[in-house]
Protein backbone atom coordinates (compact mmCIF):
# COMPACT_ATOMS: atom_id res chain seq x y z
CA UNK A 1 152.80 202.72 191.03
CA UNK A 2 152.39 206.03 192.93
CA UNK A 3 153.29 207.97 189.77
CA UNK A 4 150.70 206.00 187.79
CA UNK A 5 148.05 206.79 190.38
CA UNK A 6 148.86 210.49 190.14
CA UNK A 7 148.58 210.34 186.36
CA UNK A 8 145.27 208.54 186.68
CA UNK A 9 143.80 211.07 189.09
CA UNK A 10 144.98 214.06 187.04
CA UNK A 11 143.98 212.71 183.63
CA UNK A 12 140.74 214.12 182.22
CA UNK A 13 140.53 212.37 178.84
CA UNK A 14 138.63 209.11 179.37
CA UNK A 15 140.51 206.96 176.86
CA UNK A 16 143.81 207.92 178.43
CA UNK A 17 142.40 207.19 181.89
CA UNK A 18 141.22 203.79 180.65
CA UNK A 19 144.68 202.93 179.30
CA UNK A 20 146.39 203.93 182.56
CA UNK A 21 143.83 202.04 184.66
CA UNK A 22 144.28 198.91 182.54
CA UNK A 23 148.06 199.08 182.98
CA UNK A 24 147.69 199.42 186.74
CA UNK A 25 145.28 196.49 186.93
CA UNK A 26 147.64 194.30 184.94
CA UNK A 27 150.07 194.72 187.84
CA UNK A 28 147.52 194.69 190.65
CA UNK A 29 144.10 193.17 189.96
CA UNK A 30 142.72 194.41 193.26
CA UNK A 31 143.69 198.06 192.79
CA UNK A 32 140.68 200.00 194.10
CA UNK A 33 141.24 203.34 192.32
CA UNK A 34 141.83 201.79 188.89
CA UNK A 35 138.75 199.59 189.31
CA UNK A 36 136.62 202.57 190.27
CA UNK A 37 137.84 204.52 187.25
CA UNK A 38 136.98 201.74 184.79
CA UNK A 39 133.52 201.20 186.27
CA UNK A 40 132.85 204.93 186.17
CA UNK A 41 133.84 205.13 182.50
CA UNK A 42 131.59 202.15 181.66
CA UNK A 43 128.75 203.84 183.49
CA UNK A 44 129.04 207.35 182.04
CA UNK A 45 130.86 207.14 178.71
CA UNK A 46 129.02 207.76 175.45
CA UNK A 47 131.81 206.03 173.51
CA UNK A 48 130.19 202.67 172.76
CA UNK A 49 133.40 201.07 171.43
CA UNK A 50 135.34 202.06 174.53
CA UNK A 51 132.58 200.85 176.85
CA UNK A 52 132.46 197.51 175.03
CA UNK A 53 136.23 197.05 175.37
CA UNK A 54 136.17 197.88 179.06
CA UNK A 55 133.21 195.58 179.68
CA UNK A 56 135.09 192.75 177.99
CA UNK A 57 138.07 193.49 180.19
CA UNK A 58 135.90 193.42 183.31
CA UNK A 59 134.19 190.22 182.21
CA UNK A 60 137.58 188.55 181.74
CA UNK A 61 138.38 189.42 185.37
CA UNK A 62 134.93 188.82 186.77
CA UNK A 63 135.97 187.28 190.08
CA UNK A 64 138.09 190.29 190.90
CA UNK A 65 135.60 192.97 189.86
CA UNK A 66 132.04 191.72 190.19
CA UNK A 67 131.37 192.77 193.78
CA UNK A 68 133.07 196.13 193.30
CA UNK A 69 131.23 196.69 190.05
CA UNK A 70 127.85 196.06 191.68
CA UNK A 71 128.49 198.19 194.76
CA UNK A 72 130.01 201.16 192.94
CA UNK A 73 127.30 201.36 190.28
CA UNK A 74 124.46 201.06 192.77
CA UNK A 75 125.94 203.84 194.87
CA UNK A 76 126.59 206.18 191.96
CA UNK A 77 123.39 205.78 189.96
CA UNK A 78 120.02 205.70 191.70
CA UNK A 79 118.00 206.38 188.54
CA UNK A 80 119.04 203.47 186.34
CA UNK A 81 118.82 200.56 188.75
CA UNK A 82 117.42 198.13 186.14
CA UNK A 83 120.26 198.90 183.76
CA UNK A 84 122.72 198.34 186.61
CA UNK A 85 121.00 195.07 187.53
CA UNK A 86 121.17 193.95 183.90
CA UNK A 87 124.89 194.68 183.66
CA UNK A 88 125.52 192.89 186.95
CA UNK A 89 123.55 189.86 185.74
CA UNK A 90 125.71 189.66 182.64
CA UNK A 91 128.79 189.47 184.82
CA UNK A 92 127.18 186.94 187.12
CA UNK A 93 126.55 184.60 184.18
CA UNK A 94 130.30 184.31 183.80
CA UNK A 95 130.79 183.24 187.41
CA UNK A 96 129.62 179.67 188.15
CA UNK A 97 129.01 180.50 191.80
CA UNK A 98 126.66 183.38 190.82
CA UNK A 99 125.17 181.90 187.63
CA UNK A 100 121.77 181.09 189.14
CA UNK A 101 121.56 184.57 190.64
CA UNK A 102 122.21 186.06 187.21
CA UNK A 103 119.46 183.94 185.62
CA UNK A 104 117.00 185.02 188.32
CA UNK A 105 117.87 188.69 187.83
CA UNK A 106 117.33 188.48 184.06
CA UNK A 107 113.97 186.74 184.52
CA UNK A 108 112.79 189.47 186.90
CA UNK A 109 113.95 192.20 184.53
CA UNK A 110 111.95 190.62 181.70
CA UNK A 111 108.88 190.39 183.92
CA UNK A 112 108.96 193.76 185.67
CA UNK A 113 111.44 196.25 184.18
CA UNK A 114 110.03 199.38 182.54
CA UNK A 115 113.36 201.13 181.94
CA UNK A 116 114.74 202.09 178.54
CA UNK A 117 118.45 201.71 177.83
CA UNK A 118 119.40 204.95 176.09
CA UNK A 119 122.77 203.44 175.13
CA UNK A 120 121.23 200.61 173.12
CA UNK A 121 119.06 201.37 170.12
CA UNK A 122 117.82 199.91 166.88
CA UNK A 123 117.80 201.85 163.64
CA UNK A 124 114.57 201.74 161.67
CA UNK A 125 114.41 202.89 158.07
CA UNK A 126 111.18 203.66 156.25
CA UNK A 127 109.38 206.05 153.89
CA UNK A 128 106.85 208.40 155.46
CA UNK A 129 103.52 209.38 153.93
CA UNK A 130 105.08 212.33 152.11
CA UNK A 131 107.69 210.15 150.46
CA UNK A 132 110.61 211.24 152.64
CA UNK A 133 113.18 208.64 153.73
CA UNK A 134 113.31 208.46 157.52
CA UNK A 135 115.98 207.07 159.83
CA UNK A 136 114.63 206.56 163.33
CA UNK A 137 116.39 205.47 166.51
CA UNK A 138 114.30 203.20 168.71
CA UNK A 139 115.80 202.73 172.15
CA UNK A 140 115.76 199.20 173.52
CA UNK A 141 113.98 198.22 176.73
CA UNK A 142 115.93 196.55 179.51
CA UNK A 143 113.42 193.68 179.39
CA UNK A 144 114.35 193.11 175.74
CA UNK A 145 118.07 193.16 176.49
CA UNK A 146 117.58 190.66 179.30
CA UNK A 147 115.65 188.30 177.01
CA UNK A 148 118.29 188.58 174.30
CA UNK A 149 121.02 187.76 176.81
CA UNK A 150 119.14 184.67 178.02
CA UNK A 151 118.63 183.59 174.40
CA UNK A 152 122.39 183.67 173.83
CA UNK A 153 123.25 181.91 177.09
CA UNK A 154 123.52 178.16 177.56
CA UNK A 155 121.34 177.84 180.65
CA UNK A 156 121.27 174.01 180.78
CA UNK A 157 119.18 172.99 183.80
CA UNK A 158 117.47 176.37 184.11
CA UNK A 159 115.28 176.13 180.99
CA UNK A 160 112.36 174.91 183.09
CA UNK A 161 112.63 177.94 185.40
CA UNK A 162 112.74 180.48 182.56
CA UNK A 163 109.88 178.87 180.61
CA UNK A 164 107.55 178.40 183.59
CA UNK A 165 108.20 181.96 184.83
CA UNK A 166 107.64 183.70 181.49
CA UNK A 167 104.97 181.66 179.68
CA UNK A 168 102.09 183.53 181.29
CA UNK A 169 103.36 186.84 179.93
CA UNK A 170 102.18 185.76 176.48
CA UNK A 171 98.68 187.05 177.10
CA UNK A 172 96.49 189.41 175.03
CA UNK A 173 96.53 191.85 177.95
CA UNK A 174 100.32 192.05 178.03
CA UNK A 175 100.47 192.28 174.24
CA UNK A 176 98.16 195.27 174.32
CA UNK A 177 99.56 197.11 177.33
CA UNK A 178 103.27 196.15 177.24
CA UNK A 179 104.05 194.91 173.76
CA UNK A 180 107.81 195.18 174.29
CA UNK A 181 107.55 192.71 177.20
CA UNK A 182 105.26 190.40 175.23
CA UNK A 183 107.66 190.45 172.26
CA UNK A 184 110.66 189.74 174.49
CA UNK A 185 108.99 186.70 176.04
CA UNK A 186 107.61 185.46 172.73
CA UNK A 187 110.94 185.54 170.93
CA UNK A 188 112.76 183.89 173.83
CA UNK A 189 110.27 181.07 174.39
CA UNK A 190 109.71 180.44 170.71
CA UNK A 191 113.45 180.04 170.32
CA UNK A 192 113.51 177.50 173.14
CA UNK A 193 110.55 175.61 171.62
CA UNK A 194 112.45 175.24 168.36
CA UNK A 195 115.73 174.09 169.87
CA UNK A 196 115.40 172.16 173.13
CA UNK A 197 113.98 168.68 173.72
CA UNK A 198 110.21 168.44 173.28
CA UNK A 199 109.62 166.58 176.54
CA UNK A 200 111.73 169.06 178.51
CA UNK A 201 109.85 172.03 177.07
CA UNK A 202 106.46 170.41 177.66
CA UNK A 203 107.19 169.71 181.33
CA UNK A 204 108.45 173.25 181.85
CA UNK A 205 105.45 174.76 180.06
CA UNK A 206 102.99 172.90 182.27
CA UNK A 207 104.82 173.44 185.54
CA UNK A 208 103.60 176.04 188.04
CA UNK A 209 105.54 179.33 187.96
CA UNK A 210 106.18 181.62 190.92
CA UNK A 211 104.07 184.54 189.69
CA UNK A 212 104.41 187.95 191.31
CA UNK A 213 101.21 188.64 193.33
CA UNK A 214 100.46 191.83 191.38
CA UNK A 215 100.38 189.85 188.13
CA UNK A 216 97.83 187.23 189.27
CA UNK A 217 94.74 189.16 188.20
CA UNK A 218 95.86 189.89 184.65
CA UNK A 219 97.71 186.66 183.88
CA UNK A 220 95.25 184.08 182.46
CA UNK A 221 96.64 180.56 182.82
CA UNK A 222 95.73 178.05 180.16
CA UNK A 223 95.42 177.84 176.40
CA UNK A 224 95.30 180.86 174.11
CA UNK A 225 96.44 181.51 170.56
CA UNK A 226 100.03 182.04 171.65
CA UNK A 227 100.24 178.88 173.73
CA UNK A 228 98.72 176.93 170.85
CA UNK A 229 101.31 178.40 168.49
CA UNK A 230 104.14 177.41 170.79
CA UNK A 231 102.68 173.94 171.30
CA UNK A 232 102.58 173.60 167.53
CA UNK A 233 106.22 174.65 167.31
CA UNK A 234 107.10 172.02 169.91
CA UNK A 235 105.37 169.32 167.88
CA UNK A 236 107.12 170.43 164.72
CA UNK A 237 110.46 170.34 166.49
CA UNK A 238 109.87 166.78 167.68
CA UNK A 239 108.63 165.60 164.27
CA UNK A 240 111.81 166.82 162.62
CA UNK A 241 113.80 164.60 164.97
CA UNK A 242 112.09 161.39 163.83
CA UNK A 243 114.56 158.80 162.53
CA UNK A 244 114.19 156.24 159.74
CA UNK A 245 114.02 152.63 160.87
CA UNK A 246 115.43 149.58 159.14
CA UNK A 247 112.27 149.31 157.04
CA UNK A 248 110.57 152.73 157.13
CA UNK A 249 111.51 156.20 155.88
CA UNK A 250 109.42 158.99 157.51
CA UNK A 251 108.44 162.13 155.60
CA UNK A 252 106.81 165.09 157.37
CA UNK A 253 104.00 166.91 155.55
CA UNK A 254 103.06 170.42 156.71
CA UNK A 255 99.38 170.91 155.83
CA UNK A 256 99.29 174.65 156.47
CA UNK A 257 99.45 175.53 152.78
CA UNK A 258 96.66 173.04 152.02
CA UNK A 259 94.16 174.52 154.48
CA UNK A 260 90.73 174.16 152.89
CA UNK A 261 92.11 172.99 149.53
CA UNK A 262 89.60 170.70 147.78
CA UNK A 263 91.14 170.25 144.32
CA UNK A 264 92.72 166.80 144.14
CA UNK A 265 95.37 167.94 141.67
CA UNK A 266 96.47 170.80 143.92
CA UNK A 267 96.56 168.48 146.95
CA UNK A 268 98.68 165.98 145.03
CA UNK A 269 101.11 168.61 143.80
CA UNK A 270 101.68 170.12 147.23
CA UNK A 271 102.26 166.78 148.94
CA UNK A 272 104.55 165.67 146.10
CA UNK A 273 106.51 168.91 146.38
CA UNK A 274 107.11 168.44 150.10
CA UNK A 275 108.14 164.81 149.58
CA UNK A 276 110.70 165.84 146.97
CA UNK A 277 111.98 168.71 149.13
CA UNK A 278 112.81 166.29 151.93
CA UNK A 279 114.11 163.35 149.93
CA UNK A 280 115.89 165.32 147.19
CA UNK A 281 116.54 168.77 148.75
CA UNK A 282 119.04 169.81 146.08
CA UNK A 283 117.02 168.61 143.08
CA UNK A 284 115.16 171.56 141.58
CA UNK A 285 113.68 169.49 138.74
CA UNK A 286 110.51 168.27 140.45
CA UNK A 287 108.24 166.31 138.09
CA UNK A 288 104.62 167.36 137.72
CA UNK A 289 102.41 164.95 139.63
CA UNK A 290 98.68 165.59 139.38
CA UNK A 291 96.85 162.60 140.84
CA UNK A 292 97.11 159.74 143.31
CA UNK A 293 98.20 157.02 140.81
CA UNK A 294 101.09 159.20 139.60
CA UNK A 295 102.16 159.87 143.17
CA UNK A 296 102.12 156.14 144.01
CA UNK A 297 104.44 155.41 141.09
CA UNK A 298 106.84 158.07 142.34
CA UNK A 299 106.67 156.65 145.87
CA UNK A 300 107.78 153.30 144.47
CA UNK A 301 110.89 154.96 143.03
CA UNK A 302 111.55 156.84 146.29
CA UNK A 303 111.54 153.54 148.20
CA UNK A 304 114.28 152.31 145.92
CA UNK A 305 116.24 155.55 146.30
CA UNK A 306 116.15 155.62 150.12
CA UNK A 307 116.54 151.80 150.25
CA UNK A 308 113.54 151.27 152.51
CA UNK A 309 110.61 148.90 152.18
CA UNK A 310 108.03 151.46 153.29
CA UNK A 311 107.34 155.19 153.32
CA UNK A 312 105.46 156.86 156.17
CA UNK A 313 103.80 160.23 155.62
CA UNK A 314 103.17 162.14 158.85
CA UNK A 315 100.70 165.03 158.51
CA UNK A 316 100.54 167.97 160.92
CA UNK A 317 99.45 171.61 161.19
CA UNK A 318 95.83 171.13 160.09
CA UNK A 319 92.85 169.07 161.11
CA UNK A 320 91.46 166.39 158.75
CA UNK A 321 88.78 167.32 156.21
CA UNK A 322 86.93 165.14 153.73
CA UNK A 323 88.78 165.95 150.49
CA UNK A 324 92.19 165.43 152.05
CA UNK A 325 91.11 162.26 153.85
CA UNK A 326 89.72 160.90 150.57
CA UNK A 327 93.06 161.56 148.91
CA UNK A 328 94.87 159.75 151.72
CA UNK A 329 92.64 156.73 151.19
CA UNK A 330 93.67 156.60 147.53
CA UNK A 331 97.38 156.36 148.41
CA UNK A 332 97.01 154.30 151.61
CA UNK A 333 98.01 151.07 149.84
CA UNK A 334 101.37 152.66 148.90
CA UNK A 335 102.30 154.51 152.12
CA UNK A 336 101.62 154.41 155.85
CA UNK A 337 99.93 157.58 157.06
CA UNK A 338 100.07 159.23 160.47
CA UNK A 339 98.28 162.44 161.44
CA UNK A 340 98.98 164.70 164.42
CA UNK A 341 95.48 165.82 165.29
CA UNK A 342 92.89 165.94 168.06
CA UNK A 343 90.19 164.89 165.61
CA UNK A 344 89.14 161.30 164.92
CA UNK A 345 90.59 159.70 161.77
CA UNK A 346 89.59 156.60 159.73
CA UNK A 347 91.26 153.25 160.31
CA UNK A 348 93.77 153.60 157.45
CA UNK A 349 95.29 156.62 159.23
CA UNK A 350 97.07 156.48 162.59
CA UNK A 351 96.12 159.49 164.73
CA UNK A 352 98.42 161.12 167.29
CA UNK A 353 97.23 163.71 169.79
CA UNK A 354 99.50 166.80 169.75
CA UNK A 355 98.98 167.20 173.51
CA UNK A 356 100.68 163.94 174.44
CA UNK A 357 103.70 164.53 176.63
CA UNK A 358 105.62 161.75 174.87
CA UNK A 359 104.46 162.52 171.33
CA UNK A 360 107.88 161.99 169.78
CA UNK A 361 108.38 158.57 171.39
CA UNK A 362 104.89 157.38 170.42
CA UNK A 363 105.37 158.29 166.76
CA UNK A 364 108.89 156.82 166.70
CA UNK A 365 107.56 153.58 168.22
CA UNK A 366 104.84 153.50 165.57
CA UNK A 367 107.50 153.74 162.88
CA UNK A 368 109.47 150.94 164.55
CA UNK A 369 106.38 148.69 164.56
CA UNK A 370 105.37 149.21 160.93
């Protein structure tokens, strides 16, 4: 062991030092000198592959190295404290006793960090105005790295903390002044809205975060375009989870592409297309359907295909308007129609407010009662 330590201290080439340090740590996981050497290489090396390998080695031995890793890096590097905190948080996520601390650190980095990680970058390729092909390196912000790490981590009971802490960073002010922070929060929360339970997300979104005092003046709480977009994503996520009942087969109709459309043939074709996409996703031969009577005949065949007595069309992503409501009336004797909207709807349509905390359950109960 003494000979190995001498080799380690006298070795200048970092890869060789890493190999020797690894060998020593295989024999003695608490060896101080070998640990210091590995942490120093991770901190200073420009060899990304080597750093990645050493980080994986440290992560695999997190209980033995976490405290040393934190202390050594904080002592050696006073300029890149956010980067150090980010690396420490990654290690903490692998230790159940420090998991919550790691989550908290990542949240704070997303909210407050202004550092750039010069080791992490994204390549952008484009043509400039003179027709030259440009390759550009864009270094990644620590806030972005922290958000990406949270996105990849199964945080279970901590979703409510992350969502409530970061939702108010989706403001026009942040988008204008700190777009990298806005983008980091947007991508993270939008991902959660599309994957986790609707009720869980809703409760987290409307809970009160612990906002840093300096952020109070520029953080408007309430509805804006971004919150409306995320609320819409939540509704969409819950609608896609609706289940057929013994008698009813639900079909979700996204009205975004029909916004303002008044032509009855175009309305029929779009709705028919979406019905076919959901019932027959692999069938590319969609028949041309141009009016309500033709659609009702097709609906009769779909009932036979899915072996259900009734079909329920559930509209979302646009408020009712006269031409579309008139079309719905023409097919209302062939299908049941629900509409996720804050506007009033006629009696042959069942309306559902998108702001209801139990939206999914209400619609599913409606399907059960048809």
